Amino acid sequence: MTTTTLPKCPVCRKGQLLPSTTQRAFHPRGALVSVELLASECNHCGKQTIRASQHEENLRRLDDRKNRPEYEGLLLGEQILALRHRYGLKQQDASKIFGKGKIAFSRYENEVTYPDDSTTLLLRMAIDKPDCMKWLAEQAKVELPLWEVRCEESKLSVRKVPATPVIRLVSERVDVVAPRPQIERNGDLSMPYAA
């Protein structure tokens, strides 16, 4: 029989960390969704901490709630927080971009409240289409501090996209002319270039 040594408490350095759990409650659309999160509690000082392996499992458990029917069509607080952090925005700047009050993003990120349908659509568009995020920020006169960094990270190699054949009606017969090549950059279809 092997005995495992429990980790030392990082707070008091005297006790050992014993496994424990906490519950976090969310209320999407008024329904209660409770998530059990892992933690460790010191048997000497009673302080609760979360170890790295527990943190990873907690993130997975929190992410799993998006598959619940209560969350259908809603964004998780973590998704909204990630959007804001992706561009280096403060909550107040995000509120200006999406047209909400000063504390709205704090409430969305902590899931105290959830964005209305139109704000959810704007947030989804900003998450899925970075160019739209840039346009929204420009309209609100808000700088995106990490825009250039994100552009460098997401540069896609230019790839050819099959073009639609050009059909020309000549007299009473139809000629199919070879398609003009088109290129796609960052998901946007560019104008055909001259051959």
Protein backbone atom coordinates (compact mmCIF):
# COMPACT_ATOMS: atom_id res chain seq x y z
CA MET A 1 0.00 0.00 0.00
CA THR A 2 1.44 3.34 -1.06
CA THR A 3 0.77 6.59 0.68
CA THR A 4 0.64 9.84 -1.24
CA THR A 5 2.02 12.98 0.29
CA LEU A 6 -0.40 15.88 0.16
CA PRO A 7 0.96 19.18 -1.14
CA LYS A 8 1.93 21.89 1.33
CA CYS A 9 -0.26 24.94 1.73
CA PRO A 10 1.20 27.88 -0.24
CA VAL A 11 -0.32 30.35 2.23
CA CYS A 12 0.84 29.17 5.68
CA ARG A 13 3.43 26.57 4.61
CA LYS A 14 2.44 24.50 7.66
CA GLY A 15 -0.62 22.54 6.63
CA GLN A 16 -1.42 20.23 3.77
CA LEU A 17 -3.95 20.78 0.99
CA LEU A 18 -6.97 18.51 1.11
CA PRO A 19 -9.31 18.18 -1.89
CA SER A 20 -12.56 20.15 -1.65
CA THR A 21 -15.22 21.54 -3.96
CA THR A 22 -17.24 24.72 -4.36
CA GLN A 23 -20.43 25.44 -6.27
CA ARG A 24 -20.81 28.31 -8.70
CA ALA A 25 -24.34 29.26 -9.66
CA PHE A 26 -25.39 30.83 -12.95
CA HIS A 27 -28.89 31.97 -13.95
CA PRO A 28 -29.24 31.98 -17.75
CA ARG A 29 -32.82 32.87 -18.72
CA GLY A 30 -33.80 32.60 -15.04
CA ALA A 31 -32.87 28.90 -14.76
CA LEU A 32 -30.36 27.73 -12.16
CA VAL A 33 -27.21 26.12 -13.56
CA SER A 34 -24.81 24.99 -10.86
CA VAL A 35 -21.24 23.95 -11.64
CA GLU A 36 -19.14 22.03 -9.13
CA LEU A 37 -15.58 23.37 -9.12
CA LEU A 38 -12.51 21.70 -7.65
CA ALA A 39 -10.39 23.35 -4.97
CA SER A 40 -7.97 22.50 -2.17
CA GLU A 41 -8.30 23.50 1.48
CA CYS A 42 -5.49 23.74 4.00
CA ASN A 43 -5.97 21.52 7.06
CA HIS A 44 -4.03 24.05 9.17
CA CYS A 45 -5.10 27.59 8.19
CA GLY A 46 -8.34 26.74 6.35
CA LYS A 47 -7.47 28.84 3.28
CA GLN A 48 -8.81 27.58 0.00
CA THR A 49 -6.63 27.50 -3.12
CA ILE A 50 -6.88 26.07 -6.59
CA ARG A 51 -4.01 24.01 -7.97
CA ALA A 52 -3.06 24.12 -11.68
CA SER A 53 -4.57 20.72 -12.47
CA GLN A 54 -7.79 21.73 -10.69
CA HIS A 55 -7.87 24.99 -12.62
CA GLU A 56 -7.70 23.14 -15.95
CA GLU A 57 -10.54 20.83 -14.92
CA ASN A 58 -12.59 23.79 -13.66
CA LEU A 59 -12.20 25.53 -17.03
CA ARG A 60 -13.45 22.39 -18.76
CA ARG A 61 -16.45 22.16 -16.41
CA LEU A 62 -17.30 25.82 -16.94
CA ASP A 63 -17.01 25.41 -20.71
CA ASP A 64 -19.30 22.35 -20.65
CA ARG A 65 -22.24 24.45 -19.50
CA LYS A 66 -22.53 26.05 -22.96
CA ASN A 67 -24.01 22.73 -24.15
CA ARG A 68 -26.91 22.98 -21.73
CA PRO A 69 -30.29 23.98 -23.16
CA GLU A 70 -30.50 26.99 -20.82
CA TYR A 71 -27.52 28.52 -22.64
CA GLU A 72 -28.81 28.07 -26.18
CA GLY A 73 -28.03 31.26 -28.07
CA LEU A 74 -26.26 32.91 -25.11
CA LEU A 75 -22.60 33.76 -24.80
CA LEU A 76 -20.65 32.59 -21.77
CA GLY A 77 -19.04 35.25 -19.62
CA GLU A 78 -15.65 33.74 -20.50
CA GLN A 79 -16.32 34.28 -24.22
CA ILE A 80 -17.12 37.96 -23.68
CA LEU A 81 -14.08 38.40 -21.44
CA ALA A 82 -11.87 36.68 -24.03
CA LEU A 83 -13.11 39.05 -26.77
CA ARG A 84 -12.26 42.07 -24.65
CA HIS A 85 -8.83 40.73 -23.70
CA ARG A 86 -8.09 39.71 -27.29
CA TYR A 87 -8.00 43.39 -28.29
CA GLY A 88 -6.72 44.82 -24.99
CA LEU A 89 -9.96 46.65 -24.21
CA LYS A 90 -11.11 47.94 -20.84
CA GLN A 91 -14.71 47.22 -19.87
CA GLN A 92 -15.60 50.89 -20.32
CA ASP A 93 -14.22 50.88 -23.90
CA ALA A 94 -16.12 47.70 -24.74
CA SER A 95 -19.28 49.36 -23.43
CA LYS A 96 -18.72 52.30 -25.79
CA ILE A 97 -18.21 50.00 -28.78
CA PHE A 98 -21.31 47.92 -28.12
CA GLY A 99 -23.46 50.77 -26.83
CA LYS A 100 -23.99 49.68 -23.23
CA GLY A 101 -23.55 51.29 -19.82
CA LYS A 102 -20.26 51.52 -17.92
CA ILE A 103 -20.78 48.38 -15.83
CA ALA A 104 -22.55 46.27 -18.46
CA PHE A 105 -19.45 44.28 -19.42
CA SER A 106 -18.60 43.50 -15.82
CA ARG A 107 -22.11 42.10 -15.41
CA TYR A 108 -21.89 40.12 -18.69
CA GLU A 109 -18.47 38.67 -17.89
CA ASN A 110 -19.58 37.58 -14.41
CA GLU A 111 -22.93 36.39 -15.80
CA VAL A 112 -24.87 38.55 -13.37
CA THR A 113 -26.90 39.51 -16.44
CA TYR A 114 -26.76 38.48 -20.08
CA PRO A 115 -26.64 40.72 -23.15
CA ASP A 116 -29.90 41.26 -25.03
CA ASP A 117 -30.35 39.55 -28.40
CA SER A 118 -29.06 42.44 -30.51
CA THR A 119 -25.95 42.90 -28.36
CA THR A 120 -25.35 39.14 -28.46
CA LEU A 121 -25.45 39.29 -32.27
CA LEU A 122 -22.96 42.18 -32.30
CA LEU A 123 -20.66 40.33 -29.90
CA ARG A 124 -20.82 37.13 -31.98
CA MET A 125 -20.06 39.13 -35.12
CA ALA A 126 -17.07 40.77 -33.40
CA ILE A 127 -15.81 37.37 -32.21
CA ASP A 128 -16.20 35.69 -35.62
CA LYS A 129 -15.23 38.62 -37.87
CA PRO A 130 -12.31 40.71 -36.63
CA ASP A 131 -12.79 43.31 -39.40
CA CYS A 132 -16.26 44.01 -38.00
CA MET A 133 -14.73 44.52 -34.55
CA LYS A 134 -12.33 47.06 -36.05
CA TRP A 135 -15.18 48.86 -37.83
CA LEU A 136 -17.31 48.99 -34.67
CA ALA A 137 -14.36 50.38 -32.68
CA GLU A 138 -13.70 53.04 -35.33
CA GLN A 139 -17.35 54.11 -35.28
CA ALA A 140 -17.21 54.42 -31.48
CA LYS A 141 -13.83 56.24 -31.69
CA VAL A 142 -12.22 53.61 -29.48
CA GLU A 143 -8.67 52.39 -30.10
CA LEU A 144 -8.02 48.65 -30.15
CA PRO A 145 -4.62 48.47 -28.39
CA LEU A 146 -3.83 44.93 -29.57
CA TRP A 147 -5.24 45.22 -33.11
CA GLU A 148 -1.84 45.16 -34.85
CA VAL A 149 -0.68 42.17 -32.76
CA ARG A 150 -3.83 40.22 -33.62
CA CYS A 151 -3.44 41.06 -37.32
CA GLU A 152 0.11 39.70 -37.29
CA GLU A 153 -1.03 36.52 -35.52
CA SER A 154 -3.91 35.85 -37.89
CA LYS A 155 -2.31 36.56 -41.25
CA LEU A 156 -3.44 33.88 -43.61
CA SER A 157 -1.54 32.81 -46.63
CA VAL A 158 -3.15 33.94 -49.84
CA ARG A 159 -4.95 31.05 -51.48
CA LYS A 160 -6.78 30.84 -54.74
CA VAL A 161 -10.54 30.57 -54.71
CA PRO A 162 -12.31 28.99 -57.66
CA ALA A 163 -13.98 31.68 -59.72
CA THR A 164 -17.37 31.53 -61.36
CA PRO A 165 -17.23 31.21 -65.15
CA VAL A 166 -18.18 34.33 -67.09
CA ILE A 167 -21.02 33.59 -69.50
CA ARG A 168 -21.41 35.79 -72.55
CA LEU A 169 -24.34 35.68 -74.94
CA VAL A 170 -23.09 35.98 -78.52
CA SER A 171 -25.82 35.98 -81.14
CA GLU A 172 -27.85 32.90 -80.40
CA ARG A 173 -25.11 30.78 -78.89
CA VAL A 174 -23.61 30.87 -75.40
CA ASP A 175 -19.85 31.03 -75.00
CA VAL A 176 -18.25 30.07 -71.71
CA VAL A 177 -15.18 32.17 -71.13
CA ALA A 178 -12.42 30.90 -68.84
CA PRO A 179 -12.97 32.11 -65.31
CA ARG A 180 -10.92 34.98 -64.00
CA PRO A 181 -8.89 34.06 -60.93
CA GLN A 182 -9.88 35.61 -57.63
CA ILE A 183 -8.01 35.63 -54.38
CA GLU A 184 -9.20 35.51 -50.81
CA ARG A 185 -7.47 37.39 -48.01
CA ASN A 186 -8.59 36.95 -44.40
CA GLY A 187 -11.95 35.59 -45.46
CA ASP A 188 -12.86 38.53 -47.72
CA LEU A 189 -13.33 37.90 -51.42
CA SER A 190 -11.25 40.42 -53.35
CA MET A 191 -12.15 41.94 -56.67
CA PRO A 192 -10.89 39.88 -59.62
CA TYR A 193 -7.58 41.12 -60.92
CA ALA A 194 -6.85 41.72 -64.57
CA ALA A 195 -5.43 38.70 -66.39
